[in-house]
Amino acid sequence: MPSESILQTPSLPPEICADSGRILRAQQAMQYLNISRNTFYRYIKRGIIPAPRYRGRTPFWRLGDLRGVYANLSATPETD
């Protein structure tokens, strides 16, 4: 998991970050968590990031769900 020096504050606009019910697509979720695509999908596979919900065929994540992930990632030192 990323160390605190790598993981910084969420990198989405404040108006998006203020709404816990906001729906984020994969790219936005990666941007919010400040992680790469490979890391994002690896964390989903490991259960660190919740599995996506779907609207039709489009996967999405709720910002409120990712806030807990962000807090855990920023508090946990890197182990890999």
N, C-alpha and C. Protein backbone atom coordinates (compact mmCIF):
# COMPACT_ATOMS: atom_id res chain seq x y z
N MET A 1 0.84 -1.19 0.00
CA MET A 1 0.00 0.00 0.00
C MET A 1 0.88 1.24 0.00
N PRO A 2 0.38 2.33 -0.54
CA PRO A 2 1.19 3.53 -0.64
C PRO A 2 1.56 4.10 0.72
N SER A 3 2.75 4.64 0.77
CA SER A 3 3.16 5.31 2.01
C SER A 3 2.57 6.71 2.03
N GLU A 4 2.62 7.35 3.18
CA GLU A 4 2.04 8.68 3.30
C GLU A 4 2.72 9.69 2.40
N SER A 5 4.00 9.48 2.10
CA SER A 5 4.70 10.42 1.24
C SER A 5 4.20 10.37 -0.20
N ILE A 6 3.67 9.23 -0.62
CA ILE A 6 3.15 9.09 -1.98
C ILE A 6 1.70 9.55 -2.04
N LEU A 7 0.90 9.12 -1.07
CA LEU A 7 -0.52 9.43 -1.07
C LEU A 7 -0.74 10.79 -0.44
N GLN A 8 -1.31 11.69 -1.22
CA GLN A 8 -1.55 13.04 -0.72
C GLN A 8 -3.04 13.29 -0.65
N THR A 9 -3.45 14.51 -0.57
CA THR A 9 -4.87 14.82 -0.46
C THR A 9 -5.59 14.42 -1.73
N PRO A 10 -6.89 14.12 -1.63
CA PRO A 10 -7.65 13.76 -2.82
C PRO A 10 -7.50 14.82 -3.90
N SER A 11 -7.35 14.37 -5.14
CA SER A 11 -7.06 15.30 -6.21
C SER A 11 -8.26 15.55 -7.12
N LEU A 12 -9.44 15.58 -6.55
CA LEU A 12 -10.64 15.96 -7.29
C LEU A 12 -11.07 17.35 -6.83
N PRO A 13 -11.81 18.06 -7.65
CA PRO A 13 -12.29 19.38 -7.25
C PRO A 13 -13.10 19.32 -5.95
N PRO A 14 -13.01 20.36 -5.12
CA PRO A 14 -13.71 20.37 -3.82
C PRO A 14 -15.22 20.14 -3.92
N GLU A 15 -15.85 20.64 -4.98
CA GLU A 15 -17.30 20.46 -5.10
C GLU A 15 -17.67 18.99 -5.29
N ILE A 16 -16.80 18.21 -5.90
CA ILE A 16 -17.04 16.78 -6.05
C ILE A 16 -16.78 16.08 -4.72
N CYS A 17 -15.70 16.44 -4.05
CA CYS A 17 -15.32 15.80 -2.79
C CYS A 17 -16.33 16.06 -1.68
N ALA A 18 -17.14 17.09 -1.79
CA ALA A 18 -18.09 17.44 -0.74
C ALA A 18 -19.32 16.53 -0.73
N ASP A 19 -19.57 15.81 -1.79
CA ASP A 19 -20.79 15.01 -1.93
C ASP A 19 -20.49 13.53 -1.78
N SER A 20 -20.83 12.93 -0.63
CA SER A 20 -20.55 11.51 -0.37
C SER A 20 -21.30 10.57 -1.29
N GLY A 21 -22.45 10.99 -1.78
CA GLY A 21 -23.24 10.15 -2.67
C GLY A 21 -22.80 10.24 -4.12
N ARG A 22 -21.82 11.07 -4.38
CA ARG A 22 -21.33 11.28 -5.74
C ARG A 22 -20.85 9.96 -6.34
N ILE A 23 -21.15 9.75 -7.59
CA ILE A 23 -20.73 8.54 -8.30
C ILE A 23 -19.47 8.85 -9.09
N LEU A 24 -18.46 7.99 -8.93
CA LEU A 24 -17.20 8.17 -9.64
C LEU A 24 -16.97 6.99 -10.57
N ARG A 25 -16.53 7.28 -11.77
CA ARG A 25 -16.11 6.22 -12.68
C ARG A 25 -14.69 5.83 -12.31
N ALA A 26 -14.18 4.79 -12.92
CA ALA A 26 -12.87 4.25 -12.54
C ALA A 26 -11.77 5.30 -12.58
N GLN A 27 -11.69 6.07 -13.64
CA GLN A 27 -10.63 7.07 -13.77
C GLN A 27 -10.71 8.11 -12.66
N GLN A 28 -11.91 8.54 -12.33
CA GLN A 28 -12.08 9.52 -11.25
C GLN A 28 -11.71 8.91 -9.89
N ALA A 29 -12.07 7.64 -9.69
CA ALA A 29 -11.73 6.96 -8.43
C ALA A 29 -10.22 6.84 -8.29
N MET A 30 -9.53 6.50 -9.37
CA MET A 30 -8.07 6.41 -9.35
C MET A 30 -7.47 7.78 -9.03
N GLN A 31 -8.03 8.82 -9.62
CA GLN A 31 -7.54 10.17 -9.38
C GLN A 31 -7.78 10.56 -7.92
N TYR A 32 -8.95 10.26 -7.38
CA TYR A 32 -9.27 10.58 -5.99
C TYR A 32 -8.30 9.88 -5.03
N LEU A 33 -8.02 8.60 -5.29
CA LEU A 33 -7.13 7.83 -4.42
C LEU A 33 -5.66 8.08 -4.74
N ASN A 34 -5.40 8.74 -5.85
CA ASN A 34 -4.04 9.06 -6.28
C ASN A 34 -3.20 7.79 -6.46
N ILE A 35 -3.79 6.82 -7.18
CA ILE A 35 -3.09 5.56 -7.44
C ILE A 35 -3.19 5.24 -8.93
N SER A 36 -2.29 4.37 -9.38
CA SER A 36 -2.26 3.99 -10.80
C SER A 36 -3.39 3.01 -11.11
N ARG A 37 -3.61 2.83 -12.39
CA ARG A 37 -4.64 1.89 -12.85
C ARG A 37 -4.35 0.48 -12.35
N ASN A 38 -3.09 0.04 -12.50
CA ASN A 38 -2.74 -1.31 -12.05
C ASN A 38 -2.97 -1.48 -10.56
N THR A 39 -2.57 -0.50 -9.78
CA THR A 39 -2.77 -0.56 -8.33
C THR A 39 -4.25 -0.56 -8.00
N PHE A 40 -5.03 0.25 -8.68
CA PHE A 40 -6.47 0.33 -8.45
C PHE A 40 -7.12 -1.05 -8.61
N TYR A 41 -6.86 -1.71 -9.73
CA TYR A 41 -7.48 -3.01 -9.97
C TYR A 41 -6.89 -4.10 -9.08
N ARG A 42 -5.63 -3.99 -8.71
CA ARG A 42 -5.03 -4.94 -7.76
C ARG A 42 -5.71 -4.81 -6.40
N TYR A 43 -5.98 -3.58 -5.97
CA TYR A 43 -6.66 -3.36 -4.68
C TYR A 43 -8.10 -3.87 -4.71
N ILE A 44 -8.76 -3.78 -5.85
CA ILE A 44 -10.12 -4.33 -5.96
C ILE A 44 -10.04 -5.85 -5.81
N LYS A 45 -9.10 -6.47 -6.49
CA LYS A 45 -8.94 -7.92 -6.42
C LYS A 45 -8.64 -8.38 -5.00
N ARG A 46 -7.85 -7.60 -4.25
CA ARG A 46 -7.49 -7.94 -2.87
C ARG A 46 -8.59 -7.58 -1.87
N GLY A 47 -9.59 -6.84 -2.30
CA GLY A 47 -10.67 -6.44 -1.41
C GLY A 47 -10.40 -5.15 -0.64
N ILE A 48 -9.33 -4.46 -0.98
CA ILE A 48 -9.00 -3.18 -0.33
C ILE A 48 -9.97 -2.10 -0.80
N ILE A 49 -10.27 -2.12 -2.08
CA ILE A 49 -11.27 -1.23 -2.67
C ILE A 49 -12.50 -2.08 -2.96
N PRO A 50 -13.70 -1.59 -2.61
CA PRO A 50 -14.90 -2.39 -2.86
C PRO A 50 -15.11 -2.65 -4.35
N ALA A 51 -15.74 -3.77 -4.64
CA ALA A 51 -16.07 -4.09 -6.03
C ALA A 51 -17.00 -3.00 -6.57
N PRO A 52 -16.93 -2.76 -7.86
CA PRO A 52 -17.77 -1.70 -8.43
C PRO A 52 -19.24 -2.08 -8.44
N ARG A 53 -20.06 -1.07 -8.46
CA ARG A 53 -21.49 -1.22 -8.74
C ARG A 53 -21.62 -0.94 -10.24
N TYR A 54 -22.74 -1.28 -10.81
CA TYR A 54 -22.89 -1.07 -12.25
C TYR A 54 -24.18 -0.34 -12.57
N ARG A 55 -24.10 0.52 -13.57
CA ARG A 55 -25.25 1.11 -14.24
C ARG A 55 -25.14 0.62 -15.67
N GLY A 56 -25.96 -0.34 -16.01
CA GLY A 56 -25.79 -0.98 -17.31
C GLY A 56 -24.48 -1.73 -17.28
N ARG A 57 -23.60 -1.41 -18.21
CA ARG A 57 -22.28 -2.04 -18.24
C ARG A 57 -21.19 -1.17 -17.63
N THR A 58 -21.56 0.00 -17.14
CA THR A 58 -20.58 0.96 -16.65
C THR A 58 -20.33 0.78 -15.15
N PRO A 59 -19.09 0.44 -14.78
CA PRO A 59 -18.78 0.31 -13.35
C PRO A 59 -18.63 1.68 -12.71
N PHE A 60 -19.04 1.78 -11.45
CA PHE A 60 -18.85 3.03 -10.71
C PHE A 60 -18.67 2.73 -9.24
N TRP A 61 -18.16 3.73 -8.52
CA TRP A 61 -17.94 3.64 -7.08
C TRP A 61 -18.56 4.89 -6.47
N ARG A 62 -19.10 4.76 -5.27
CA ARG A 62 -19.62 5.92 -4.54
C ARG A 62 -18.47 6.57 -3.79
N LEU A 63 -18.42 7.88 -3.83
CA LEU A 63 -17.36 8.62 -3.17
C LEU A 63 -17.31 8.30 -1.68
N GLY A 64 -18.47 8.15 -1.05
CA GLY A 64 -18.51 7.82 0.37
C GLY A 64 -17.80 6.51 0.68
N ASP A 65 -17.93 5.51 -0.22
CA ASP A 65 -17.23 4.23 -0.04
C ASP A 65 -15.73 4.40 -0.16
N LEU A 66 -15.31 5.25 -1.08
CA LEU A 66 -13.88 5.44 -1.32
C LEU A 66 -13.21 6.29 -0.24
N ARG A 67 -14.00 7.09 0.48
CA ARG A 67 -13.41 7.90 1.56
C ARG A 67 -12.78 7.01 2.63
N GLY A 68 -13.46 5.91 2.98
CA GLY A 68 -12.90 4.98 3.96
C GLY A 68 -11.64 4.32 3.43
N VAL A 69 -11.63 3.98 2.17
CA VAL A 69 -10.44 3.39 1.54
C VAL A 69 -9.30 4.39 1.60
N TYR A 70 -9.59 5.64 1.26
CA TYR A 70 -8.57 6.68 1.26
C TYR A 70 -7.97 6.84 2.65
N ALA A 71 -8.81 6.86 3.67
CA ALA A 71 -8.32 7.01 5.05
C ALA A 71 -7.42 5.83 5.43
N ASN A 72 -7.81 4.62 5.05
CA ASN A 72 -6.99 3.44 5.35
C ASN A 72 -5.67 3.46 4.60
N LEU A 73 -5.70 3.86 3.34
CA LEU A 73 -4.47 3.90 2.55
C LEU A 73 -3.49 4.94 3.09
N SER A 74 -4.01 6.07 3.51
CA SER A 74 -3.12 7.13 3.99
C SER A 74 -2.58 6.83 5.38
N ALA A 75 -3.24 5.95 6.13
CA ALA A 75 -2.79 5.62 7.48
C ALA A 75 -1.91 4.38 7.54
N THR A 76 -1.86 3.60 6.45
CA THR A 76 -1.13 2.33 6.44
C THR A 76 0.16 2.48 5.65
N PRO A 77 1.31 2.13 6.23
CA PRO A 77 2.56 2.19 5.48
C PRO A 77 2.61 1.12 4.39
N GLU A 78 3.40 1.37 3.38
CA GLU A 78 3.55 0.45 2.26
C GLU A 78 4.22 -0.83 2.72
N THR A 79 3.66 -2.00 2.28
CA THR A 79 4.23 -3.28 2.68
C THR A 79 4.71 -4.12 1.51
N ASP A 80 4.36 -3.76 0.25
CA ASP A 80 4.82 -4.59 -0.89
C ASP A 80 6.19 -4.14 -1.30
